[in-house]
Amino acid sequence: MPDDCLFCRIVRGDIPVPFVYETPQCVAFRDINPQAPLHVLVVPREHVASLDAARDPALIGELSLAAAEIARREGVAERGYRTVMNTNAEAGQTVFHVHLHLLGGRALGWPPG
């Protein structure tokens, strides 16, 4: 894991962040700048810079299934939720460690931005 990657530091425990969900493949924690009442980041333990760099479909599937489970646990699954993966700078990716945003708890408009 790169020493300078923010999410790798969180996964390693260098930056203490409470996890809302955890598996051997991924962790999830609340976003520090939430864009909805529920805004959780689902992050693989393995460092992968972006969706473009991902080579393991099971890892990407794990992030999606983790988000669905968190949405159920947080009580937003039936009302609806959104999952988003920003890929590279122009799409808004600011931390270059692939991650999935789980957003819910309010009506989410379309198009998103």
C-alpha atoms as a PDB file:
ATOM      1  CA  MET A   1       0.000   0.000   0.000  1.00  0.00           C
ATOM      2  CA  PRO A   2       1.371   3.427  -0.862  1.00  0.00           C
ATOM      3  CA  ASP A   3       2.457   5.426   2.178  1.00  0.00           C
ATOM      4  CA  ASP A   4       0.974   8.674   0.858  1.00  0.00           C
ATOM      5  CA  CYS A   5      -2.489   7.364  -0.110  1.00  0.00           C
ATOM      6  CA  LEU A   6      -5.133   8.698   2.291  1.00  0.00           C
ATOM      7  CA  PHE A   7      -7.372   5.638   2.002  1.00  0.00           C
ATOM      8  CA  CYS A   8      -4.447   3.216   2.402  1.00  0.00           C
ATOM      9  CA  ARG A   9      -3.566   5.066   5.619  1.00  0.00           C
ATOM     10  CA  ILE A  10      -7.168   4.676   6.826  1.00  0.00           C
ATOM     11  CA  VAL A  11      -7.238   0.963   5.898  1.00  0.00           C
ATOM     12  CA  ARG A  12      -3.929   0.385   7.762  1.00  0.00           C
ATOM     13  CA  GLY A  13      -5.244   2.203  10.834  1.00  0.00           C
ATOM     14  CA  ASP A  14      -2.702   5.050  10.611  1.00  0.00           C
ATOM     15  CA  ILE A  15      -5.654   7.445  10.564  1.00  0.00           C
ATOM     16  CA  PRO A  16      -8.279   6.248  13.044  1.00  0.00           C
ATOM     17  CA  VAL A  17     -11.697   6.250  11.404  1.00  0.00           C
ATOM     18  CA  PRO A  18     -14.679   4.248  12.669  1.00  0.00           C
ATOM     19  CA  PHE A  19     -15.756   1.684  10.091  1.00  0.00           C
ATOM     20  CA  VAL A  20     -19.494   1.216   9.532  1.00  0.00           C
ATOM     21  CA  TYR A  21     -18.834  -2.006   7.618  1.00  0.00           C
ATOM     22  CA  GLU A  22     -15.856  -4.283   7.161  1.00  0.00           C
ATOM     23  CA  THR A  23     -14.998  -7.464   5.250  1.00  0.00           C
ATOM     24  CA  PRO A  24     -11.659  -9.086   4.432  1.00  0.00           C
ATOM     25  CA  GLN A  25     -11.779  -7.235   1.072  1.00  0.00           C
ATOM     26  CA  CYS A  26     -13.132  -3.789   1.978  1.00  0.00           C
ATOM     27  CA  VAL A  27     -13.970  -1.233   4.634  1.00  0.00           C
ATOM     28  CA  ALA A  28     -16.618   1.491   4.728  1.00  0.00           C
ATOM     29  CA  PHE A  29     -16.728   4.759   6.633  1.00  0.00           C
ATOM     30  CA  ARG A  30     -18.717   7.994   6.643  1.00  0.00           C
ATOM     31  CA  ASP A  31     -17.583  10.759   4.304  1.00  0.00           C
ATOM     32  CA  ILE A  32     -16.164  13.801   6.129  1.00  0.00           C
ATOM     33  CA  ASN A  33     -17.988  16.102   3.672  1.00  0.00           C
ATOM     34  CA  PRO A  34     -21.377  14.395   3.291  1.00  0.00           C
ATOM     35  CA  GLN A  35     -23.524  15.256   0.275  1.00  0.00           C
ATOM     36  CA  ALA A  36     -26.605  13.468   1.674  1.00  0.00           C
ATOM     37  CA  PRO A  37     -27.814  12.375   5.129  1.00  0.00           C
ATOM     38  CA  LEU A  38     -26.172   9.013   4.394  1.00  0.00           C
ATOM     39  CA  HIS A  39     -22.823   9.336   2.631  1.00  0.00           C
ATOM     40  CA  VAL A  40     -20.508   6.379   3.100  1.00  0.00           C
ATOM     41  CA  LEU A  41     -17.315   5.543   1.226  1.00  0.00           C
ATOM     42  CA  VAL A  42     -16.691   1.876   0.447  1.00  0.00           C
ATOM     43  CA  VAL A  43     -12.976   1.279  -0.097  1.00  0.00           C
ATOM     44  CA  PRO A  44     -11.074  -1.879  -1.024  1.00  0.00           C
ATOM     45  CA  ARG A  45      -8.247  -2.843   1.311  1.00  0.00           C
ATOM     46  CA  GLU A  46      -6.074  -3.361  -1.760  1.00  0.00           C
ATOM     47  CA  HIS A  47      -4.730  -0.189  -3.373  1.00  0.00           C
ATOM     48  CA  VAL A  48      -6.139   0.294  -6.865  1.00  0.00           C
ATOM     49  CA  ALA A  49      -5.816   3.855  -8.173  1.00  0.00           C
ATOM     50  CA  SER A  50      -9.104   4.107 -10.075  1.00  0.00           C
ATOM     51  CA  LEU A  51     -11.790   2.072 -11.782  1.00  0.00           C
ATOM     52  CA  ASP A  52      -9.666   2.292 -14.945  1.00  0.00           C
ATOM     53  CA  ALA A  53      -6.850   0.489 -13.120  1.00  0.00           C
ATOM     54  CA  ALA A  54      -9.098  -2.232 -11.656  1.00  0.00           C
ATOM     55  CA  ARG A  55      -8.581  -5.736 -13.024  1.00  0.00           C
ATOM     56  CA  ASP A  56     -10.570  -7.850 -10.556  1.00  0.00           C
ATOM     57  CA  PRO A  57     -14.318  -7.876 -11.244  1.00  0.00           C
ATOM     58  CA  ALA A  58     -14.923  -9.633  -7.920  1.00  0.00           C
ATOM     59  CA  LEU A  59     -13.352  -6.712  -6.046  1.00  0.00           C
ATOM     60  CA  ILE A  60     -15.602  -4.175  -7.774  1.00  0.00           C
ATOM     61  CA  GLY A  61     -18.598  -6.441  -7.148  1.00  0.00           C
ATOM     62  CA  GLU A  62     -17.635  -6.653  -3.468  1.00  0.00           C
ATOM     63  CA  LEU A  63     -17.827  -2.847  -3.194  1.00  0.00           C
ATOM     64  CA  SER A  64     -21.303  -2.810  -4.742  1.00  0.00           C
ATOM     65  CA  LEU A  65     -22.649  -5.606  -2.551  1.00  0.00           C
ATOM     66  CA  ALA A  66     -21.147  -3.943   0.528  1.00  0.00           C
ATOM     67  CA  ALA A  67     -22.966  -0.715  -0.378  1.00  0.00           C
ATOM     68  CA  ALA A  68     -26.273  -2.603  -0.720  1.00  0.00           C
ATOM     69  CA  GLU A  69     -25.798  -4.197   2.710  1.00  0.00           C
ATOM     70  CA  ILE A  70     -24.939  -0.847   4.310  1.00  0.00           C
ATOM     71  CA  ALA A  71     -28.030   0.725   2.706  1.00  0.00           C
ATOM     72  CA  ARG A  72     -30.176  -2.037   4.246  1.00  0.00           C
ATOM     73  CA  ARG A  73     -28.542  -1.599   7.669  1.00  0.00           C
ATOM     74  CA  GLU A  74     -28.955   2.184   7.521  1.00  0.00           C
ATOM     75  CA  GLY A  75     -32.630   1.912   6.583  1.00  0.00           C
ATOM     76  CA  VAL A  76     -32.488   3.564   3.139  1.00  0.00           C
ATOM     77  CA  ALA A  77     -32.636   0.530   0.843  1.00  0.00           C
ATOM     78  CA  GLU A  78     -36.402   0.496   0.327  1.00  0.00           C
ATOM     79  CA  ARG A  79     -36.648   4.262  -0.231  1.00  0.00           C
ATOM     80  CA  GLY A  80     -33.674   4.252  -2.586  1.00  0.00           C
ATOM     81  CA  TYR A  81     -29.997   5.089  -2.670  1.00  0.00           C
ATOM     82  CA  ARG A  82     -27.299   5.922  -5.177  1.00  0.00           C
ATOM     83  CA  THR A  83     -23.863   4.455  -5.715  1.00  0.00           C
ATOM     84  CA  VAL A  84     -21.215   6.472  -7.540  1.00  0.00           C
ATOM     85  CA  MET A  85     -17.625   5.809  -8.592  1.00  0.00           C
ATOM     86  CA  ASN A  86     -15.836   8.920  -9.799  1.00  0.00           C
ATOM     87  CA  THR A  87     -13.022   7.935 -12.144  1.00  0.00           C
ATOM     88  CA  ASN A  88     -10.121  10.339 -12.651  1.00  0.00           C
ATOM     89  CA  ALA A  89      -9.891  14.078 -12.102  1.00  0.00           C
ATOM     90  CA  GLU A  90     -12.481  15.424 -14.538  1.00  0.00           C
ATOM     91  CA  ALA A  91     -15.130  13.166 -13.000  1.00  0.00           C
ATOM     92  CA  GLY A  92     -14.309  14.478  -9.521  1.00  0.00           C
ATOM     93  CA  GLN A  93     -12.015  11.756  -8.164  1.00  0.00           C
ATOM     94  CA  THR A  94      -9.817  13.465  -5.561  1.00  0.00           C
ATOM     95  CA  VAL A  95      -8.384  10.440  -3.744  1.00  0.00           C
ATOM     96  CA  PHE A  96      -6.732   8.084  -6.210  1.00  0.00           C
ATOM     97  CA  HIS A  97      -7.718   4.849  -4.498  1.00  0.00           C
ATOM     98  CA  VAL A  98     -10.838   3.396  -6.117  1.00  0.00           C
ATOM     99  CA  HIS A  99     -13.892   3.871  -3.910  1.00  0.00           C
ATOM    100  CA  LEU A 100     -17.652   3.804  -4.104  1.00  0.00           C
ATOM    101  CA  HIS A 101     -19.863   6.567  -2.703  1.00  0.00           C
ATOM    102  CA  LEU A 102     -23.120   5.391  -1.144  1.00  0.00           C
ATOM    103  CA  LEU A 103     -25.649   8.241  -0.920  1.00  0.00           C
ATOM    104  CA  GLY A 104     -29.140   8.132   0.533  1.00  0.00           C
ATOM    105  CA  GLY A 105     -31.582   9.499   3.047  1.00  0.00           C
ATOM    106  CA  ARG A 106     -33.059  12.172   0.759  1.00  0.00           C
ATOM    107  CA  ALA A 107     -34.389  12.519  -2.781  1.00  0.00           C
ATOM    108  CA  LEU A 108     -31.472  12.586  -5.188  1.00  0.00           C
ATOM    109  CA  GLY A 109     -31.986  14.582  -8.382  1.00  0.00           C
ATOM    110  CA  TRP A 110     -30.930  13.687 -11.904  1.00  0.00           C
ATOM    111  CA  PRO A 111     -28.737  14.568 -13.669  1.00  0.00           C
ATOM    112  CA  PRO A 112     -26.315  14.620 -10.754  1.00  0.00           C
ATOM    113  CA  GLY A 113     -24.108  17.480 -11.851  1.00  0.00           C
END
